[in-house]
C-alpha cells in the first residue's frame, strides 16, 4: 500500500493537465483550505494533497489528514489517466507511431486507444510493447485501473462482486463468467483478460503468489531466458501444468493450476502454447468446432480424437500433455466430466477429487461387471483408455 501511494503521488504530479472537476472541488474544498491554504494553481493543489496522503500512509498515521471523500476523488483523477492515453505521457510517446499504424481510426478517450494497442500487441514496436506489457501488469494487480473492464462490466460487478476489493475483482468475475445472468459483453471482456493473463504468469498476481516457490524450482530454465517486459507465451504455465500432471506442485499452486487447466480445457484460446503449436491443425481438423461461439471444450476434444492425424511434433506434444493432465484429474477434462457426472455422483461420491482419485474410481467401476455405467460415460472412458495407451 505504501509503495502504491508513493507511485500514485508521482503519477498525479506528472500529469500535465489538471482539469479541476466540480466533484474534486466539492470533495476537497475543506482539505485545500486546511492543508494547502496559500496555493492557487490547480496542479500545485493536487500535488499538495497527494503529498499529504502519501506521507500519512508511509508514516502509518492513525488519522489521515486528507478526508476520505477527498482521497477517493484523488483516486478518480488517477483512474481518469487510464481513460485517455494522452494523460500518460510516457506510454503515449512510446506508442505514437504504433497508434498511427494500428489505431488511426480509433477515437481518444474511453481507453479505446489503449485497448486497440493491447489487441495489436504482437505487432507493436519493441518500446511500445514493453510499455503496454508494464501497463497490463499494473492493471492485473489492480483491476480498478483497467478502465475498459470496469466500464464494460460495471453492472456485473455490482451484481456478482459487490464485496470484492480491487485485488479480488477479476477472480470474482472469472468465477461468475459462465452464469446465465452474465452480460455477454462483460463475459467477452473477461475472456480477453484471461487470454492476456495466461500469456505470462507475471500478469496473474494470484498464481504468482501461490506458485512463488514452485516457479523457480521447476521452471528455472524458462526464467533465465525471460525478459522483463515481454511475454513468455504461457511457457511457465505450461511447465507448471506438467508438474501438476506428475502431482509435484505445492497445494496452493496446484489449486491455481487446476483452475487454469479447467478454464483452458473449455476454451483453447486460453492456452497460448496450444494455439501457438496447433493453429494449423485447429483450422484444418477442427475448423467447425473453433467457429462455434460457445467454448465448451470441443476444439480440445477434436484434437484428442484426431491425435493420429496430427503431423507437427509441437502440436502432438501439446495434445499428449492435455491427455496426461486429464488422466491426473477428471475435473480438467470437461467432456469426460460432463459425460460421467452422474456416475461420479453414484459410485465415487465418497472419493476426494484431485490427484487422479476419481478417475481411478471410474476405471474400477468400468472393470466391475456388477456396475452399470451410463452409456455415454462408458463410451468416453473407453475412448480415453485407447488415447492414453497410444499417448503412453
Protein backbone atom coordinates (compact mmCIF):
# COMPACT_ATOMS: atom_id res chain seq x y z
CA UNK A 1 0.00 0.00 0.00
CA UNK A 2 2.81 2.39 0.89
CA UNK A 3 4.52 1.74 -2.39
CA UNK A 4 1.25 2.17 -4.32
CA UNK A 5 0.59 5.53 -2.64
CA UNK A 6 4.13 6.65 -3.49
CA UNK A 7 3.72 5.72 -7.14
CA UNK A 8 0.26 7.31 -7.30
CA UNK A 9 1.73 10.52 -5.92
CA UNK A 10 4.23 10.71 -8.75
CA UNK A 11 1.59 9.78 -11.33
CA UNK A 12 -0.56 12.65 -10.19
CA UNK A 13 2.37 15.06 -10.02
CA UNK A 14 3.48 14.21 -13.55
CA UNK A 15 0.07 14.67 -15.10
CA UNK A 16 0.27 17.57 -17.49
CA UNK A 17 -3.33 18.73 -17.37
CA UNK A 18 -5.42 19.03 -14.23
CA UNK A 19 -8.96 19.95 -15.07
CA UNK A 20 -10.41 20.66 -11.69
CA UNK A 21 -13.69 18.81 -11.84
CA UNK A 22 -16.65 20.04 -9.83
CA UNK A 23 -16.58 16.79 -7.82
CA UNK A 24 -12.92 17.27 -6.88
CA UNK A 25 -13.62 20.87 -5.84
CA UNK A 26 -16.53 19.83 -3.64
CA UNK A 27 -14.80 16.77 -2.17
CA UNK A 28 -11.52 18.55 -1.36
CA UNK A 29 -12.60 22.13 -0.63
CA UNK A 30 -12.12 21.93 3.15
CA UNK A 31 -8.90 19.91 2.81
CA UNK A 32 -7.43 22.55 0.50
CA UNK A 33 -8.32 25.38 2.89
CA UNK A 34 -6.84 23.49 5.83
CA UNK A 35 -3.75 21.88 4.26
CA UNK A 36 -2.86 23.98 1.20
CA UNK A 37 -4.22 27.46 2.07
CA UNK A 38 -1.82 29.66 0.06
CA UNK A 39 -1.69 27.61 -3.13
CA UNK A 40 -3.55 28.91 -6.16
CA UNK A 41 -2.60 26.72 -9.15
CA UNK A 42 -4.62 23.56 -9.75
CA UNK A 43 -1.59 21.38 -10.31
CA UNK A 44 0.06 22.59 -7.07
CA UNK A 45 -3.11 21.93 -5.07
CA UNK A 46 -3.23 18.31 -6.30
CA UNK A 47 0.50 17.91 -5.54
CA UNK A 48 -0.06 19.29 -2.04
CA UNK A 49 -2.99 16.93 -1.33
CA UNK A 50 -1.32 13.93 -2.91
CA UNK A 51 1.89 14.54 -0.93
CA UNK A 52 -0.09 14.68 2.32
CA UNK A 53 -1.88 11.39 1.50
CA UNK A 54 1.41 9.73 0.63
CA UNK A 55 3.20 10.93 3.77
CA UNK A 56 0.36 9.91 6.08
CA UNK A 57 0.32 6.44 4.52
CA UNK A 58 4.09 5.98 4.68
CA UNK A 59 4.23 7.14 8.28
CA UNK A 60 1.23 4.95 9.18
CA UNK A 61 -0.58 7.93 10.67
CA UNK A 62 -3.59 6.92 12.76
CA UNK A 63 -5.77 9.61 11.24
CA UNK A 64 -5.35 10.71 7.65
CA UNK A 65 -5.22 14.48 7.33
CA UNK A 66 -6.91 14.33 3.94
CA UNK A 67 -10.57 13.36 4.29
CA UNK A 68 -11.80 10.05 2.89
CA UNK A 69 -14.08 11.69 0.29
CA UNK A 70 -11.17 13.80 -0.98
CA UNK A 71 -8.84 10.76 -1.11
CA UNK A 72 -11.48 8.91 -3.13
CA UNK A 73 -11.72 11.80 -5.56
CA UNK A 74 -7.94 11.90 -5.97
CA UNK A 75 -8.22 8.21 -6.87
CA UNK A 76 -10.71 9.21 -9.58
CA UNK A 77 -8.12 11.61 -11.01
CA UNK A 78 -5.72 8.67 -11.20
CA UNK A 79 -8.33 6.50 -12.91
CA UNK A 80 -9.02 9.25 -15.42
CA UNK A 81 -5.43 8.99 -16.59
CA UNK A 82 -6.15 5.45 -17.75
CA UNK A 83 -9.15 6.73 -19.71
CA UNK A 84 -7.05 8.74 -22.16
CA UNK A 85 -3.57 7.64 -23.25
CA UNK A 86 -2.52 11.29 -23.72
CA UNK A 87 -2.66 11.70 -19.93
CA UNK A 88 0.08 9.07 -19.65
CA UNK A 89 2.91 10.90 -21.46
CA UNK A 90 5.45 8.04 -21.23
CA UNK A 91 3.11 5.50 -22.79
CA UNK A 92 1.81 7.99 -25.35
CA UNK A 93 5.31 8.99 -26.53
CA UNK A 94 6.48 5.36 -26.78
CA UNK A 95 3.43 4.32 -28.82
CA UNK A 96 2.84 7.34 -31.09
CA UNK A 97 3.91 5.60 -34.31
CA UNK A 98 2.04 2.40 -33.37
CA UNK A 99 -1.14 4.39 -32.73
CA UNK A 100 -0.73 5.85 -36.22
CA UNK A 101 -0.12 2.40 -37.77
CA UNK A 102 -2.73 0.30 -35.99
CA UNK A 103 -5.23 2.60 -34.27
CA UNK A 104 -5.57 5.57 -36.64
CA UNK A 105 -9.36 5.16 -36.90
CA UNK A 106 -9.85 4.81 -33.14
CA UNK A 107 -11.04 7.78 -31.05
CA UNK A 108 -9.16 9.04 -27.99
CA UNK A 109 -10.93 8.63 -24.66
CA UNK A 110 -12.80 5.69 -23.09
CA UNK A 111 -9.42 3.90 -23.09
CA UNK A 112 -10.12 2.89 -26.70
CA UNK A 113 -6.58 3.57 -27.91
CA UNK A 114 -5.09 1.54 -25.04
CA UNK A 115 -7.48 -1.33 -25.83
CA UNK A 116 -6.53 -1.14 -29.52
CA UNK A 117 -2.81 -1.33 -28.64
CA UNK A 118 -3.47 -4.37 -26.43
CA UNK A 119 -5.28 -6.12 -29.27
CA UNK A 120 -2.36 -5.45 -31.66
CA UNK A 121 0.30 -6.23 -29.07
CA UNK A 122 2.17 -8.78 -31.18
CA UNK A 123 2.72 -6.21 -33.96
CA UNK A 124 3.82 -3.30 -31.75
CA UNK A 125 7.28 -1.77 -31.83
CA UNK A 126 9.56 -3.00 -29.07
CA UNK A 127 9.39 0.10 -26.89
CA UNK A 128 5.61 0.41 -27.11
CA UNK A 129 5.14 -3.34 -26.49
CA UNK A 130 7.24 -3.07 -23.32
CA UNK A 131 5.14 -0.16 -22.02
CA UNK A 132 1.87 -1.96 -22.79
CA UNK A 133 3.14 -5.09 -21.01
CA UNK A 134 4.02 -3.00 -17.93
CA UNK A 135 0.61 -1.31 -18.06
CA UNK A 136 -1.11 -4.70 -18.17
CA UNK A 137 0.95 -5.86 -15.21
CA UNK A 138 -0.28 -2.84 -13.21
CA UNK A 139 -3.90 -3.37 -14.28
CA UNK A 140 -3.85 -7.06 -13.34
CA UNK A 141 -2.55 -6.12 -9.87
CA UNK A 142 -5.33 -3.55 -9.54
CA UNK A 143 -8.21 -4.22 -11.99
CA UNK A 144 -9.89 -0.94 -10.95
CA UNK A 145 -7.26 0.75 -13.12
CA UNK A 146 -8.45 -1.29 -16.11
CA UNK A 147 -10.82 1.34 -17.45
CA UNK A 148 -12.38 -0.82 -20.20
CA UNK A 149 -13.04 -3.80 -17.92
CA UNK A 150 -14.60 -1.54 -15.27
CA UNK A 151 -16.78 0.24 -17.85
CA UNK A 152 -17.98 -2.86 -19.71
CA UNK A 153 -18.55 -4.92 -16.54
CA UNK A 154 -19.85 -2.15 -14.27
CA UNK A 155 -23.32 -3.70 -13.76
CA UNK A 156 -21.96 -7.24 -13.44
CA UNK A 157 -19.50 -6.13 -10.74
CA UNK A 158 -22.45 -4.65 -8.83
CA UNK A 159 -24.43 -7.86 -9.30
CA UNK A 160 -21.80 -10.55 -8.68
CA UNK A 161 -18.90 -8.88 -6.85
CA UNK A 162 -20.23 -6.08 -4.62
CA UNK A 163 -17.96 -7.19 -1.75
CA UNK A 164 -14.81 -7.75 -3.86
CA UNK A 165 -11.91 -5.35 -3.46
CA UNK A 166 -9.69 -4.32 -6.35
CA UNK A 167 -7.34 -7.30 -5.78
CA UNK A 168 -10.05 -9.97 -5.97
CA UNK A 169 -12.38 -8.39 -8.52
CA UNK A 170 -11.08 -10.16 -11.63
CA UNK A 171 -11.05 -13.51 -9.77
CA UNK A 172 -14.66 -12.93 -8.77
CA UNK A 173 -15.71 -12.05 -12.34
CA UNK A 174 -13.92 -15.15 -13.68
CA UNK A 175 -15.78 -17.36 -11.21
CA UNK A 176 -19.14 -15.97 -12.35
CA UNK A 177 -18.31 -15.80 -16.06
CA UNK A 178 -20.50 -18.75 -17.06
CA UNK A 179 -23.54 -17.69 -15.06
CA UNK A 180 -26.72 -17.36 -17.15
CA UNK A 181 -27.11 -13.84 -15.77
CA UNK A 182 -23.69 -12.73 -17.04
CA UNK A 183 -23.86 -9.98 -19.65
CA UNK A 184 -22.34 -11.29 -22.95
CA UNK A 185 -20.18 -8.17 -23.47
CA UNK A 186 -18.72 -8.46 -19.99
CA UNK A 187 -18.17 -12.20 -20.48
CA UNK A 188 -16.24 -11.45 -23.69
CA UNK A 189 -14.11 -8.86 -21.85
CA UNK A 190 -13.32 -11.31 -19.01
CA UNK A 191 -12.21 -13.91 -21.61
CA UNK A 192 -9.94 -11.29 -23.21
CA UNK A 193 -8.31 -10.62 -19.84
CA UNK A 194 -7.95 -14.35 -19.15
CA UNK A 195 -6.21 -14.82 -22.51
CA UNK A 196 -3.83 -11.98 -21.55
CA UNK A 197 -3.17 -13.46 -18.09
CA UNK A 198 -2.33 -16.86 -19.50
CA UNK A 199 0.35 -15.44 -21.80
CA UNK A 200 2.55 -14.76 -18.78
CA UNK A 201 2.47 -15.77 -15.12
CA UNK A 202 3.57 -12.22 -14.19
CA UNK A 203 0.18 -10.99 -15.39
CA UNK A 204 -1.59 -13.27 -12.90
CA UNK A 205 -0.86 -11.97 -9.37
CA UNK A 206 -2.86 -14.75 -7.65
CA UNK A 207 -0.95 -17.50 -9.49
CA UNK A 208 2.36 -15.71 -8.98
CA UNK A 209 1.82 -15.64 -5.21
CA UNK A 210 0.51 -19.23 -4.97
CA UNK A 211 3.41 -20.64 -7.03
CA UNK A 212 6.25 -18.40 -5.81
CA UNK A 213 8.25 -21.44 -4.62
CA UNK A 214 7.23 -23.79 -7.46
CA UNK A 215 8.12 -21.47 -10.38
CA UNK A 216 11.88 -21.12 -9.63
CA UNK A 217 12.04 -24.78 -8.56
CA UNK A 218 10.53 -26.31 -11.73
CA UNK A 219 10.79 -23.64 -14.44
CA UNK A 220 14.26 -22.21 -13.79
CA UNK A 221 15.37 -22.68 -17.43
CA UNK A 222 12.49 -20.57 -18.76
CA UNK A 223 13.04 -17.81 -16.20
CA UNK A 224 16.72 -17.38 -17.11
CA UNK A 225 15.75 -16.60 -20.73
CA UNK A 226 12.84 -14.31 -19.75
CA UNK A 227 12.96 -10.62 -20.50
CA UNK A 228 11.49 -8.16 -18.03
CA UNK A 229 8.93 -6.71 -20.34
CA UNK A 230 7.89 -9.25 -22.94
CA UNK A 231 5.58 -12.23 -22.64
CA UNK A 232 6.68 -15.80 -22.16
CA UNK A 233 3.75 -17.07 -24.29
CA UNK A 234 2.46 -19.26 -21.48
CA UNK A 235 5.70 -21.26 -21.11
CA UNK A 236 5.84 -21.04 -17.29
CA UNK A 237 2.18 -22.04 -17.01
CA UNK A 238 2.82 -24.99 -19.39
CA UNK A 239 5.79 -26.01 -17.27
CA UNK A 240 3.65 -25.95 -14.10
CA UNK A 241 0.89 -27.93 -15.84
CA UNK A 242 3.33 -30.78 -16.49
CA UNK A 243 4.28 -30.82 -12.80
CA UNK A 244 0.56 -30.80 -11.98
CA UNK A 245 0.10 -33.99 -14.01
CA UNK A 246 3.05 -35.51 -12.09
CA UNK A 247 1.46 -34.35 -8.80
CA UNK A 248 4.57 -32.47 -7.72
CA UNK A 249 3.21 -28.95 -7.04
CA UNK A 250 2.59 -27.37 -3.63
CA UNK A 251 -1.11 -27.42 -2.70
CA UNK A 252 -1.72 -23.65 -3.23
CA UNK A 253 -0.03 -23.75 -6.62
CA UNK A 254 -1.86 -26.97 -7.55
CA UNK A 255 -5.23 -25.27 -6.84
CA UNK A 256 -4.42 -22.33 -9.12
CA UNK A 257 -3.07 -24.50 -11.95
CA UNK A 258 -6.15 -26.73 -11.72
CA UNK A 259 -8.33 -23.63 -12.29
CA UNK A 260 -6.22 -22.58 -15.30
CA UNK A 261 -6.34 -26.10 -16.81
CA UNK A 262 -10.11 -26.29 -16.27
CA UNK A 263 -10.65 -22.91 -17.92
CA UNK A 264 -8.39 -23.60 -20.89
CA UNK A 265 -9.84 -27.10 -21.33
CA UNK A 266 -13.14 -25.36 -22.13
CA UNK A 267 -11.64 -22.65 -24.32
CA UNK A 268 -8.49 -23.38 -26.36
CA UNK A 269 -7.81 -19.62 -26.73
CA UNK A 270 -6.78 -19.57 -23.07
CA UNK A 271 -3.85 -21.90 -23.82
CA UNK A 272 -1.18 -19.86 -25.67
CA UNK A 273 1.13 -22.86 -26.23
CA UNK A 274 -1.69 -24.94 -27.73
CA UNK A 275 -2.65 -22.04 -30.00
CA UNK A 276 0.96 -21.47 -30.98
CA UNK A 277 1.72 -25.08 -31.90
CA UNK A 278 -1.67 -26.28 -33.14
CA UNK A 279 -3.03 -23.32 -35.15
CA UNK A 280 -2.77 -25.26 -38.47
CA UNK A 281 -4.39 -28.39 -37.01
CA UNK A 282 -7.19 -26.35 -35.43
CA UNK A 283 -8.00 -24.69 -38.76
CA UNK A 284 -7.71 -27.92 -40.82
CA UNK A 285 -9.07 -30.63 -38.49
CA UNK A 286 -11.27 -28.69 -36.06
CA UNK A 287 -12.48 -25.64 -38.03
CA UNK A 288 -16.15 -26.32 -37.28
CA UNK A 289 -15.57 -26.60 -33.52
CA UNK A 290 -13.37 -23.47 -33.50
CA UNK A 291 -16.04 -21.47 -35.36
CA UNK A 292 -18.69 -22.30 -32.75
CA UNK A 293 -19.19 -19.33 -30.45
CA UNK A 294 -19.79 -21.45 -27.35
CA UNK A 295 -16.47 -22.62 -25.97
CA UNK A 296 -17.24 -25.96 -24.32
CA UNK A 297 -14.02 -27.90 -24.84
CA UNK A 298 -14.99 -29.18 -28.31
CA UNK A 299 -11.76 -27.96 -30.00
CA UNK A 300 -9.64 -29.79 -27.43
CA UNK A 301 -11.81 -32.90 -27.81
CA UNK A 302 -11.43 -32.75 -31.60
CA UNK A 303 -7.62 -32.55 -31.28
CA UNK A 304 -7.59 -35.54 -28.91
CA UNK A 305 -9.79 -37.59 -31.27
CA UNK A 306 -7.58 -36.68 -34.25
CA UNK A 307 -4.32 -37.36 -32.41
CA UNK A 308 -3.15 -39.85 -35.06
CA UNK A 309 -3.68 -37.32 -37.86
CA UNK A 310 -1.55 -34.62 -36.23
CA UNK A 311 1.74 -34.25 -38.09
CA UNK A 312 3.56 -31.44 -36.25
CA UNK A 313 5.65 -32.60 -33.31
CA UNK A 314 4.91 -29.47 -31.24
CA UNK A 315 1.15 -29.87 -31.56
CA UNK A 316 1.28 -33.62 -30.91
CA UNK A 317 3.22 -32.91 -27.71
CA UNK A 318 0.62 -30.35 -26.55
CA UNK A 319 -2.24 -32.80 -27.11
CA UNK A 320 -0.35 -35.59 -25.31
CA UNK A 321 0.18 -33.20 -22.38
CA UNK A 322 -3.57 -32.49 -22.32
CA UNK A 323 -4.25 -36.23 -22.13
CA UNK A 324 -1.73 -36.59 -19.33
CA UNK A 325 -3.42 -33.77 -17.37
CA UNK A 326 -6.88 -35.31 -17.82
CA UNK A 327 -5.62 -38.68 -16.57
CA UNK A 328 -4.37 -36.93 -13.42
CA UNK A 329 -7.71 -35.24 -12.77
CA UNK A 330 -11.12 -35.76 -14.37
CA UNK A 331 -12.10 -32.17 -13.49
CA UNK A 332 -9.75 -30.84 -16.14
CA UNK A 333 -11.38 -32.95 -18.87
CA UNK A 334 -14.78 -31.22 -19.23
CA UNK A 335 -16.14 -33.52 -21.96
CA UNK A 336 -15.44 -36.67 -19.93
CA UNK A 337 -16.53 -35.00 -16.69
CA UNK A 338 -19.91 -33.99 -18.20
CA UNK A 339 -20.44 -37.49 -19.63
CA UNK A 340 -19.64 -39.16 -16.30
CA UNK A 341 -21.07 -36.61 -13.81
CA UNK A 342 -23.95 -38.91 -12.77
CA UNK A 343 -21.69 -41.94 -12.37
CA UNK A 344 -19.22 -39.96 -10.25
CA UNK A 345 -22.15 -38.97 -8.02
CA UNK A 346 -23.38 -42.59 -7.75
CA UNK A 347 -20.16 -44.55 -7.49
CA UNK A 348 -17.41 -42.14 -6.43
CA UNK A 349 -19.17 -39.61 -4.18
CA UNK A 350 -17.05 -40.55 -1.17
CA UNK A 351 -13.76 -40.11 -3.08
CA UNK A 352 -11.92 -36.79 -2.64
CA UNK A 353 -11.44 -35.06 -6.02
CA UNK A 354 -7.97 -34.44 -7.49
CA UNK A 355 -4.75 -36.43 -7.85
CA UNK A 356 -6.46 -38.95 -10.18
CA UNK A 357 -8.56 -40.47 -7.39
CA UNK A 358 -11.98 -40.10 -9.03
CA UNK A 359 -10.57 -41.22 -12.38
CA UNK A 360 -9.25 -44.42 -10.72
CA UNK A 361 -12.66 -44.94 -9.13
CA UNK A 362 -14.39 -44.72 -12.54
CA UNK A 363 -11.85 -47.08 -14.08
CA UNK A 364 -12.56 -49.63 -11.35
CA UNK A 365 -16.29 -49.20 -11.97
CA UNK A 366 -15.72 -49.76 -15.70
CA UNK A 367 -13.90 -53.05 -14.99
CA UNK A 368 -16.52 -54.20 -12.48
CA UNK A 369 -19.16 -56.30 -14.23
CA UNK A 370 -21.73 -55.60 -11.47
CA UNK A 371 -21.60 -51.83 -12.05
CA UNK A 372 -23.66 -50.32 -14.87
CA UNK A 373 -22.24 -47.03 -16.07
CA UNK A 374 -24.16 -44.54 -18.25
CA UNK A 375 -23.60 -45.46 -21.94
CA UNK A 376 -22.06 -42.06 -22.81
CA UNK A 377 -19.68 -42.26 -19.85
CA UNK A 378 -18.70 -45.84 -20.75
CA UNK A 379 -18.02 -44.85 -24.37
CA UNK A 380 -15.94 -41.80 -23.38
CA UNK A 381 -13.91 -43.80 -20.85
CA UNK A 382 -13.09 -46.46 -23.43
CA UNK A 383 -12.07 -43.70 -25.87
CA UNK A 384 -9.78 -42.24 -23.22
CA UNK A 385 -8.16 -45.61 -22.45
CA UNK A 386 -7.38 -46.01 -26.14
CA UNK A 387 -5.94 -42.47 -26.32
CA UNK A 388 -3.87 -42.95 -23.15
CA UNK A 389 -2.38 -46.20 -24.36
CA UNK A 390 -1.38 -44.50 -27.63
CA UNK A 391 -0.03 -41.49 -25.69
CA UNK A 392 1.98 -43.77 -23.42
